Amino acid sequence: MIDRRQVLTGLGGAIALTALPGRAGAATTDAPGLDFVYEAIVTLEPTQEFGPTPLGTRRRIPITGGSFAGPRIRGTVLAGGADWQLHRADNWTVIEADYMMRTDDGTPIHVRNVGLTNSRVPAAPSRYLRTVPSFEAPTGPHDWLNQAIFIGTLGPPPDDAPKPSVCIRVYRVT
């Protein structure tokens, strides 16, 4: 059985090979664009440090709730998820969040958000922090989330947001 990662990895590799300039038979494609999907304010518990491992320092940040809203979707982030992080020796952190959202019409959506951040200069405006969220939505009004590739950004919440929390912005790759 072929899983989603195999398909995306194979598809991405095929697209990358055909898009390289000077390649024989290279396809001419437009650069992908981005459509805004939603902004979420996700509330968190304090970070739990688990200490060093051979791969780096493990941490867990429990997700306690929140809300999200965009042009086609809105609702709440459910408590019970977590962001598992691995802070590597090269000062980069791998992010692996897994949680549930519920839309205003009651639809449960599973979110798995994997990303990477450079921790060297946390206050620098050029800090790299990107994620690739994937969604599992039931067939129905929100199954369009199952049918696209998304990218996300993480940043500080608005001043009036509950603390601690994070602002997540999600975009569909067109």
N, C-alpha and C. Protein backbone atom coordinates (compact mmCIF):
# COMPACT_ATOMS: atom_id res chain seq x y z
N MET A 1 0.84 -1.17 0.00
CA MET A 1 0.00 0.00 0.00
C MET A 1 0.89 1.25 0.00
N ILE A 2 0.58 2.20 -0.82
CA ILE A 2 1.34 3.44 -0.90
C ILE A 2 0.69 4.44 0.04
N ASP A 3 1.49 5.06 0.90
CA ASP A 3 0.92 6.05 1.81
C ASP A 3 1.11 7.45 1.24
N ARG A 4 0.49 8.43 1.89
CA ARG A 4 0.49 9.82 1.44
C ARG A 4 1.90 10.39 1.31
N ARG A 5 2.77 10.07 2.24
CA ARG A 5 4.14 10.59 2.19
C ARG A 5 4.87 10.10 0.94
N GLN A 6 4.70 8.80 0.60
CA GLN A 6 5.35 8.26 -0.59
C GLN A 6 4.86 8.98 -1.84
N VAL A 7 3.56 9.22 -1.92
CA VAL A 7 3.00 9.90 -3.08
C VAL A 7 3.53 11.31 -3.16
N LEU A 8 3.49 12.05 -2.03
CA LEU A 8 3.96 13.44 -2.04
C LEU A 8 5.45 13.53 -2.32
N THR A 9 6.23 12.64 -1.73
CA THR A 9 7.68 12.65 -1.96
C THR A 9 7.98 12.33 -3.42
N GLY A 10 7.33 11.31 -3.95
CA GLY A 10 7.55 10.95 -5.35
C GLY A 10 7.08 12.05 -6.28
N LEU A 11 5.92 12.61 -6.01
CA LEU A 11 5.39 13.69 -6.83
C LEU A 11 6.28 14.92 -6.75
N GLY A 12 6.72 15.26 -5.54
CA GLY A 12 7.61 16.42 -5.38
C GLY A 12 8.91 16.23 -6.11
N GLY A 13 9.48 15.03 -6.06
CA GLY A 13 10.72 14.77 -6.76
C GLY A 13 10.53 14.85 -8.27
N ALA A 14 9.42 14.33 -8.77
CA ALA A 14 9.15 14.40 -10.21
C ALA A 14 8.96 15.83 -10.66
N ILE A 15 8.25 16.63 -9.87
CA ILE A 15 8.04 18.03 -10.21
C ILE A 15 9.37 18.77 -10.18
N ALA A 16 10.18 18.51 -9.17
CA ALA A 16 11.47 19.19 -9.06
C ALA A 16 12.37 18.86 -10.25
N LEU A 17 12.38 17.61 -10.69
CA LEU A 17 13.23 17.23 -11.81
C LEU A 17 12.79 17.88 -13.11
N THR A 18 11.47 17.95 -13.34
CA THR A 18 11.00 18.54 -14.59
C THR A 18 11.07 20.05 -14.58
N ALA A 19 11.17 20.68 -13.43
CA ALA A 19 11.18 22.13 -13.35
C ALA A 19 12.58 22.72 -13.39
N LEU A 20 13.62 21.87 -13.36
CA LEU A 20 14.99 22.40 -13.38
C LEU A 20 15.31 22.99 -14.75
N PRO A 21 15.89 24.21 -14.76
CA PRO A 21 16.25 24.80 -16.04
C PRO A 21 17.30 23.95 -16.75
N GLY A 22 17.21 23.90 -18.09
CA GLY A 22 18.22 23.20 -18.87
C GLY A 22 18.01 21.70 -18.94
N ARG A 23 17.00 21.16 -18.28
CA ARG A 23 16.73 19.73 -18.32
C ARG A 23 16.07 19.37 -19.65
N ALA A 24 16.50 18.31 -20.26
CA ALA A 24 15.85 17.86 -21.49
C ALA A 24 14.41 17.48 -21.16
N GLY A 25 13.48 18.00 -21.95
CA GLY A 25 12.07 17.67 -21.72
C GLY A 25 11.48 18.36 -20.51
N ALA A 26 12.14 19.40 -20.00
CA ALA A 26 11.64 20.09 -18.81
C ALA A 26 10.30 20.74 -19.10
N ALA A 27 9.38 20.57 -18.19
CA ALA A 27 8.06 21.17 -18.32
C ALA A 27 8.12 22.63 -17.88
N THR A 28 7.33 23.46 -18.53
CA THR A 28 7.23 24.85 -18.12
C THR A 28 6.02 24.95 -17.20
N THR A 29 6.26 25.32 -15.96
CA THR A 29 5.17 25.44 -14.99
C THR A 29 5.23 26.79 -14.32
N ASP A 30 4.10 27.24 -13.87
CA ASP A 30 4.05 28.48 -13.10
C ASP A 30 4.50 28.19 -11.68
N ALA A 31 5.08 29.21 -11.08
CA ALA A 31 5.46 29.07 -9.67
C ALA A 31 4.18 28.95 -8.84
N PRO A 32 4.20 28.14 -7.79
CA PRO A 32 3.01 28.00 -6.98
C PRO A 32 2.69 29.29 -6.25
N GLY A 33 1.43 29.48 -5.97
CA GLY A 33 0.98 30.62 -5.19
C GLY A 33 0.44 30.16 -3.86
N LEU A 34 -0.04 31.09 -3.08
CA LEU A 34 -0.59 30.78 -1.76
C LEU A 34 -1.94 31.46 -1.58
N ASP A 35 -2.90 30.72 -1.03
CA ASP A 35 -4.20 31.28 -0.64
C ASP A 35 -4.32 31.16 0.87
N PHE A 36 -4.67 32.25 1.54
CA PHE A 36 -4.87 32.25 2.98
C PHE A 36 -6.04 31.34 3.33
N VAL A 37 -5.84 30.46 4.33
CA VAL A 37 -6.89 29.53 4.76
C VAL A 37 -7.46 29.95 6.11
N TYR A 38 -6.59 30.12 7.12
CA TYR A 38 -7.08 30.57 8.43
C TYR A 38 -5.93 31.04 9.30
N GLU A 39 -6.31 31.76 10.34
CA GLU A 39 -5.39 32.12 11.42
C GLU A 39 -5.94 31.51 12.69
N ALA A 40 -5.08 30.87 13.45
CA ALA A 40 -5.48 30.25 14.72
C ALA A 40 -4.68 30.87 15.86
N ILE A 41 -5.34 31.11 16.96
CA ILE A 41 -4.67 31.46 18.21
C ILE A 41 -4.82 30.21 19.08
N VAL A 42 -3.70 29.55 19.34
CA VAL A 42 -3.69 28.27 20.06
C VAL A 42 -3.11 28.51 21.45
N THR A 43 -3.88 28.15 22.47
CA THR A 43 -3.42 28.32 23.85
C THR A 43 -2.63 27.09 24.28
N LEU A 44 -1.64 27.35 25.13
CA LEU A 44 -0.66 26.34 25.50
C LEU A 44 -0.45 26.27 27.00
N GLU A 45 0.02 25.14 27.46
CA GLU A 45 0.56 25.03 28.82
C GLU A 45 2.06 25.30 28.74
N PRO A 46 2.70 25.53 29.87
CA PRO A 46 4.16 25.73 29.83
C PRO A 46 4.88 24.52 29.23
N THR A 47 6.02 24.79 28.64
CA THR A 47 6.85 23.75 28.02
C THR A 47 7.35 22.77 29.07
N GLN A 48 7.28 21.49 28.73
CA GLN A 48 7.83 20.43 29.58
C GLN A 48 9.12 19.95 28.94
N GLU A 49 10.23 20.07 29.66
CA GLU A 49 11.53 19.60 29.16
C GLU A 49 11.73 18.15 29.59
N PHE A 50 12.15 17.31 28.64
CA PHE A 50 12.42 15.91 28.94
C PHE A 50 13.90 15.59 28.92
N GLY A 51 14.70 16.58 28.58
CA GLY A 51 16.14 16.39 28.65
C GLY A 51 16.76 15.89 27.38
N PRO A 52 18.09 15.72 27.45
CA PRO A 52 18.84 15.34 26.25
C PRO A 52 18.64 13.88 25.88
N THR A 53 18.68 13.66 24.58
CA THR A 53 18.66 12.32 24.01
C THR A 53 19.80 12.28 22.98
N PRO A 54 20.10 11.15 22.40
CA PRO A 54 21.14 11.12 21.36
C PRO A 54 20.83 12.03 20.17
N LEU A 55 19.54 12.35 19.96
CA LEU A 55 19.15 13.19 18.82
C LEU A 55 19.05 14.67 19.18
N GLY A 56 18.99 14.99 20.46
CA GLY A 56 18.84 16.37 20.90
C GLY A 56 18.01 16.44 22.15
N THR A 57 17.51 17.63 22.48
CA THR A 57 16.70 17.83 23.68
C THR A 57 15.22 17.75 23.32
N ARG A 58 14.50 16.87 24.00
CA ARG A 58 13.07 16.68 23.79
C ARG A 58 12.27 17.61 24.68
N ARG A 59 11.20 18.19 24.06
CA ARG A 59 10.25 18.99 24.83
C ARG A 59 8.84 18.67 24.34
N ARG A 60 7.90 18.97 25.22
CA ARG A 60 6.48 18.80 24.89
C ARG A 60 5.75 20.05 25.35
N ILE A 61 4.90 20.58 24.48
CA ILE A 61 4.09 21.75 24.83
C ILE A 61 2.63 21.34 24.67
N PRO A 62 1.91 21.13 25.78
CA PRO A 62 0.50 20.74 25.69
C PRO A 62 -0.35 21.86 25.09
N ILE A 63 -1.30 21.46 24.25
CA ILE A 63 -2.25 22.38 23.64
C ILE A 63 -3.54 22.33 24.45
N THR A 64 -4.00 23.50 24.91
CA THR A 64 -5.17 23.56 25.79
C THR A 64 -6.43 24.09 25.12
N GLY A 65 -6.34 24.58 23.89
CA GLY A 65 -7.52 25.08 23.20
C GLY A 65 -7.17 26.20 22.25
N GLY A 66 -8.18 26.98 21.91
CA GLY A 66 -7.97 28.11 21.03
C GLY A 66 -9.09 28.27 20.04
N SER A 67 -8.85 29.13 19.06
CA SER A 67 -9.85 29.38 18.02
C SER A 67 -9.15 29.61 16.69
N PHE A 68 -9.89 29.42 15.60
CA PHE A 68 -9.34 29.67 14.28
C PHE A 68 -10.45 30.24 13.39
N ALA A 69 -10.04 31.06 12.40
CA ALA A 69 -11.01 31.65 11.49
C ALA A 69 -10.33 32.02 10.19
N GLY A 70 -11.05 31.80 9.10
CA GLY A 70 -10.60 32.16 7.77
C GLY A 70 -11.81 32.36 6.88
N PRO A 71 -11.58 32.61 5.60
CA PRO A 71 -12.69 32.88 4.68
C PRO A 71 -13.68 31.72 4.52
N ARG A 72 -13.21 30.47 4.60
CA ARG A 72 -14.07 29.31 4.37
C ARG A 72 -14.27 28.43 5.60
N ILE A 73 -13.61 28.77 6.70
CA ILE A 73 -13.63 27.85 7.84
C ILE A 73 -13.38 28.62 9.13
N ARG A 74 -14.04 28.19 10.19
CA ARG A 74 -13.81 28.77 11.52
C ARG A 74 -14.27 27.78 12.59
N GLY A 75 -13.72 27.94 13.80
CA GLY A 75 -14.13 27.06 14.88
C GLY A 75 -13.17 27.14 16.05
N THR A 76 -13.06 26.03 16.78
CA THR A 76 -12.23 25.99 17.98
C THR A 76 -11.16 24.92 17.86
N VAL A 77 -10.05 25.17 18.54
CA VAL A 77 -8.98 24.17 18.70
C VAL A 77 -9.30 23.44 19.99
N LEU A 78 -9.32 22.12 19.95
CA LEU A 78 -9.70 21.33 21.12
C LEU A 78 -8.50 21.07 22.02
N ALA A 79 -8.75 21.03 23.31
CA ALA A 79 -7.71 20.69 24.28
C ALA A 79 -7.32 19.22 24.10
N GLY A 80 -6.08 18.90 24.47
CA GLY A 80 -5.64 17.52 24.46
C GLY A 80 -4.53 17.21 23.48
N GLY A 81 -4.24 18.11 22.58
CA GLY A 81 -3.14 17.89 21.64
C GLY A 81 -1.83 18.32 22.26
N ALA A 82 -0.77 18.18 21.49
CA ALA A 82 0.55 18.60 21.97
C ALA A 82 1.47 18.89 20.81
N ASP A 83 2.46 19.71 21.09
CA ASP A 83 3.54 20.00 20.16
C ASP A 83 4.78 19.34 20.74
N TRP A 84 5.25 18.28 20.07
CA TRP A 84 6.47 17.59 20.47
C TRP A 84 7.62 18.23 19.71
N GLN A 85 8.65 18.64 20.39
CA GLN A 85 9.77 19.31 19.74
C GLN A 85 11.07 18.58 20.03
N LEU A 86 11.97 18.67 19.07
CA LEU A 86 13.32 18.14 19.23
C LEU A 86 14.29 19.27 18.89
N HIS A 87 14.97 19.77 19.92
CA HIS A 87 15.97 20.82 19.71
C HIS A 87 17.30 20.13 19.45
N ARG A 88 17.79 20.25 18.20
CA ARG A 88 18.98 19.55 17.76
C ARG A 88 20.26 20.29 18.13
N ALA A 89 21.38 19.60 18.04
CA ALA A 89 22.69 20.18 18.36
C ALA A 89 23.06 21.32 17.42
N ASP A 90 22.48 21.37 16.22
CA ASP A 90 22.80 22.45 15.28
C ASP A 90 21.95 23.70 15.51
N ASN A 91 21.22 23.72 16.63
CA ASN A 91 20.39 24.85 17.06
C ASN A 91 19.13 25.02 16.22
N TRP A 92 18.71 23.97 15.53
CA TRP A 92 17.43 23.96 14.84
C TRP A 92 16.47 23.09 15.64
N THR A 93 15.20 23.43 15.60
CA THR A 93 14.18 22.68 16.32
C THR A 93 13.17 22.11 15.35
N VAL A 94 12.93 20.79 15.46
CA VAL A 94 11.91 20.11 14.68
C VAL A 94 10.61 20.16 15.48
N ILE A 95 9.55 20.60 14.84
CA ILE A 95 8.24 20.76 15.47
C ILE A 95 7.32 19.66 14.95
N GLU A 96 6.60 18.99 15.84
CA GLU A 96 5.63 17.97 15.45
C GLU A 96 4.41 18.11 16.33
N ALA A 97 3.43 18.88 15.85
CA ALA A 97 2.20 19.10 16.62
C ALA A 97 1.10 18.19 16.10
N ASP A 98 0.29 17.68 17.01
CA ASP A 98 -0.82 16.81 16.66
C ASP A 98 -2.00 17.19 17.54
N TYR A 99 -3.12 17.60 16.91
CA TYR A 99 -4.27 18.07 17.69
C TYR A 99 -5.54 18.01 16.86
N MET A 100 -6.66 18.32 17.48
CA MET A 100 -7.96 18.31 16.81
C MET A 100 -8.56 19.71 16.83
N MET A 101 -9.31 20.01 15.77
CA MET A 101 -10.10 21.23 15.70
C MET A 101 -11.55 20.82 15.46
N ARG A 102 -12.47 21.71 15.84
CA ARG A 102 -13.89 21.48 15.55
C ARG A 102 -14.42 22.76 14.90
N THR A 103 -14.99 22.60 13.70
CA THR A 103 -15.53 23.76 12.99
C THR A 103 -16.84 24.21 13.64
N ASP A 104 -17.29 25.41 13.28
CA ASP A 104 -18.54 25.94 13.82
C ASP A 104 -19.75 25.06 13.48
N ASP A 105 -19.65 24.27 12.39
CA ASP A 105 -20.77 23.38 12.05
C ASP A 105 -20.62 22.00 12.72
N GLY A 106 -19.62 21.86 13.61
CA GLY A 106 -19.46 20.62 14.38
C GLY A 106 -18.53 19.59 13.77
N THR A 107 -17.90 19.88 12.65
CA THR A 107 -17.02 18.92 11.99
C THR A 107 -15.69 18.79 12.73
N PRO A 108 -15.31 17.58 13.15
CA PRO A 108 -14.00 17.39 13.76
C PRO A 108 -12.93 17.24 12.66
N ILE A 109 -11.79 17.91 12.85
CA ILE A 109 -10.70 17.85 11.89
C ILE A 109 -9.41 17.56 12.64
N HIS A 110 -8.72 16.51 12.20
CA HIS A 110 -7.43 16.15 12.79
C HIS A 110 -6.33 16.95 12.08
N VAL A 111 -5.42 17.54 12.85
CA VAL A 111 -4.33 18.34 12.30
C VAL A 111 -3.01 17.73 12.76
N ARG A 112 -2.11 17.56 11.80
CA ARG A 112 -0.73 17.18 12.10
C ARG A 112 0.13 18.24 11.44
N ASN A 113 0.89 18.97 12.24
CA ASN A 113 1.65 20.11 11.76
C ASN A 113 3.13 19.88 12.07
N VAL A 114 3.92 19.68 11.02
CA VAL A 114 5.35 19.38 11.17
C VAL A 114 6.12 20.57 10.63
N GLY A 115 7.18 20.98 11.33
CA GLY A 115 7.93 22.13 10.85
C GLY A 115 9.34 22.18 11.37
N LEU A 116 9.98 23.31 11.08
CA LEU A 116 11.37 23.52 11.42
C LEU A 116 11.59 24.99 11.75
N THR A 117 12.36 25.24 12.79
CA THR A 117 12.70 26.60 13.15
C THR A 117 14.17 26.70 13.52
N ASN A 118 14.75 27.83 13.19
CA ASN A 118 16.12 28.13 13.56
C ASN A 118 16.07 28.89 14.88
N SER A 119 16.65 28.35 15.90
CA SER A 119 16.58 28.93 17.24
C SER A 119 17.74 29.83 17.58
N ARG A 120 18.65 30.06 16.65
CA ARG A 120 19.85 30.83 16.98
C ARG A 120 19.56 32.22 17.50
N VAL A 121 18.68 32.93 16.81
CA VAL A 121 18.40 34.32 17.19
C VAL A 121 16.88 34.47 17.28
N PRO A 122 16.29 34.07 18.41
CA PRO A 122 14.83 34.06 18.51
C PRO A 122 14.17 35.42 18.23
N ALA A 123 14.82 36.52 18.55
CA ALA A 123 14.19 37.82 18.37
C ALA A 123 14.43 38.42 16.99
N ALA A 124 15.25 37.80 16.18
CA ALA A 124 15.59 38.35 14.87
C ALA A 124 14.39 38.27 13.93
N PRO A 125 14.14 39.32 13.14
CA PRO A 125 13.00 39.29 12.22
C PRO A 125 13.15 38.24 11.12
N SER A 126 14.38 37.79 10.86
CA SER A 126 14.59 36.81 9.80
C SER A 126 14.56 35.37 10.31
N ARG A 127 14.09 35.15 11.50
CA ARG A 127 14.01 33.79 12.04
C ARG A 127 13.17 32.91 11.12
N TYR A 128 13.71 31.75 10.81
CA TYR A 128 13.01 30.80 9.95
C TYR A 128 12.10 29.95 10.80
N LEU A 129 10.81 29.96 10.47
CA LEU A 129 9.85 29.14 11.20
C LEU A 129 8.71 28.81 10.26
N ARG A 130 8.75 27.62 9.68
CA ARG A 130 7.73 27.19 8.72
C ARG A 130 7.25 25.80 9.08
N THR A 131 5.98 25.56 8.74
CA THR A 131 5.39 24.26 9.01
C THR A 131 4.65 23.75 7.78
N VAL A 132 4.36 22.46 7.80
CA VAL A 132 3.57 21.82 6.75
C VAL A 132 2.42 21.10 7.45
N PRO A 133 1.28 21.78 7.59
CA PRO A 133 0.14 21.11 8.21
C PRO A 133 -0.55 20.17 7.23
N SER A 134 -1.02 19.06 7.75
CA SER A 134 -1.88 18.17 6.96
C SER A 134 -3.15 17.94 7.77
N PHE A 135 -4.24 17.73 7.05
CA PHE A 135 -5.55 17.65 7.67
C PHE A 135 -6.23 16.34 7.32
N GLU A 136 -7.04 15.87 8.27
CA GLU A 136 -7.90 14.72 8.04
C GLU A 136 -9.31 15.16 8.40
N ALA A 137 -10.08 15.49 7.36
CA ALA A 137 -11.45 15.96 7.54
C ALA A 137 -12.40 14.92 6.96
N PRO A 138 -13.57 14.75 7.58
CA PRO A 138 -14.52 13.80 7.03
C PRO A 138 -15.06 14.29 5.67
N THR A 139 -15.56 13.36 4.89
CA THR A 139 -16.20 13.72 3.63
C THR A 139 -17.35 14.67 3.94
N GLY A 140 -17.41 15.74 3.16
CA GLY A 140 -18.45 16.74 3.39
C GLY A 140 -17.91 18.12 3.08
N PRO A 141 -18.43 19.14 3.76
CA PRO A 141 -18.11 20.52 3.40
C PRO A 141 -16.65 20.92 3.61
N HIS A 142 -15.91 20.15 4.40
CA HIS A 142 -14.52 20.52 4.68
C HIS A 142 -13.50 19.53 4.11
N ASP A 143 -13.95 18.62 3.24
CA ASP A 143 -12.99 17.64 2.71
C ASP A 143 -12.00 18.26 1.73
N TRP A 144 -12.18 19.52 1.36
CA TRP A 144 -11.18 20.22 0.54
C TRP A 144 -9.84 20.30 1.26
N LEU A 145 -9.87 20.19 2.60
CA LEU A 145 -8.63 20.19 3.37
C LEU A 145 -7.80 18.93 3.11
N ASN A 146 -8.46 17.84 2.69
CA ASN A 146 -7.77 16.59 2.38
C ASN A 146 -7.14 16.61 0.99
N GLN A 147 -7.42 17.64 0.20
CA GLN A 147 -7.11 17.60 -1.22
C GLN A 147 -6.13 18.68 -1.66
N ALA A 148 -5.27 19.12 -0.75
CA ALA A 148 -4.29 20.15 -1.11
C ALA A 148 -3.08 20.04 -0.19
N ILE A 149 -2.06 20.77 -0.56
CA ILE A 149 -0.85 20.90 0.27
C ILE A 149 -0.90 22.27 0.91
N PHE A 150 -0.51 22.34 2.17
CA PHE A 150 -0.57 23.57 2.94
C PHE A 150 0.80 23.89 3.52
N ILE A 151 1.04 25.16 3.78
CA ILE A 151 2.20 25.58 4.56
C ILE A 151 1.70 26.53 5.63
N GLY A 152 2.50 26.67 6.67
CA GLY A 152 2.08 27.53 7.76
C GLY A 152 3.23 28.31 8.35
N THR A 153 2.85 29.32 9.10
CA THR A 153 3.81 30.12 9.85
C THR A 153 3.38 30.12 11.30
N LEU A 154 4.34 30.27 12.18
CA LEU A 154 4.07 30.40 13.61
C LEU A 154 4.67 31.70 14.07
N GLY A 155 3.96 32.38 14.94
CA GLY A 155 4.46 33.64 15.45
C GLY A 155 3.81 34.00 16.77
N PRO A 156 4.18 35.15 17.29
CA PRO A 156 3.59 35.59 18.55
C PRO A 156 2.12 35.92 18.37
N PRO A 157 1.34 35.72 19.41
CA PRO A 157 -0.09 36.03 19.34
C PRO A 157 -0.31 37.54 19.45
N PRO A 158 -1.51 38.00 19.12
CA PRO A 158 -1.83 39.41 19.36
C PRO A 158 -1.72 39.74 20.84
N ASP A 159 -1.54 41.02 21.15
CA ASP A 159 -1.38 41.44 22.55
C ASP A 159 -2.56 41.05 23.43
N ASP A 160 -3.77 40.98 22.88
CA ASP A 160 -4.95 40.67 23.69
C ASP A 160 -5.25 39.17 23.79
N ALA A 161 -4.40 38.32 23.22
CA ALA A 161 -4.60 36.87 23.26
C ALA A 161 -4.23 36.32 24.63
N PRO A 162 -4.88 35.20 25.02
CA PRO A 162 -4.50 34.56 26.28
C PRO A 162 -3.04 34.13 26.23
N LYS A 163 -2.39 34.11 27.40
CA LYS A 163 -0.99 33.70 27.48
C LYS A 163 -0.90 32.40 28.25
N PRO A 164 0.00 31.51 27.95
CA PRO A 164 0.80 31.50 26.73
C PRO A 164 -0.02 30.99 25.56
N SER A 165 0.29 31.52 24.37
CA SER A 165 -0.36 31.08 23.15
C SER A 165 0.54 31.39 21.96
N VAL A 166 0.14 30.88 20.80
CA VAL A 166 0.89 31.09 19.57
C VAL A 166 -0.11 31.39 18.46
N CYS A 167 0.33 32.16 17.48
CA CYS A 167 -0.49 32.47 16.31
C CYS A 167 0.00 31.60 15.14
N ILE A 168 -0.92 30.84 14.57
CA ILE A 168 -0.60 29.98 13.43
C ILE A 168 -1.39 30.50 12.22
N ARG A 169 -0.70 30.74 11.14
CA ARG A 169 -1.36 31.12 9.88
C ARG A 169 -1.13 30.00 8.87
N VAL A 170 -2.20 29.59 8.21
CA VAL A 170 -2.14 28.48 7.27
C VAL A 170 -2.53 28.97 5.88
N TYR A 171 -1.76 28.50 4.88
CA TYR A 171 -1.97 28.87 3.49
C TYR A 171 -2.03 27.61 2.64
N ARG A 172 -2.93 27.60 1.64
CA ARG A 172 -3.01 26.49 0.68
C ARG A 172 -2.09 26.81 -0.49
N VAL A 173 -1.28 25.85 -0.87
CA VAL A 173 -0.39 26.02 -2.02
C VAL A 173 -1.24 25.81 -3.27
N THR A 174 -1.24 26.80 -4.18
CA THR A 174 -2.08 26.72 -5.38
C THR A 174 -1.29 26.24 -6.57
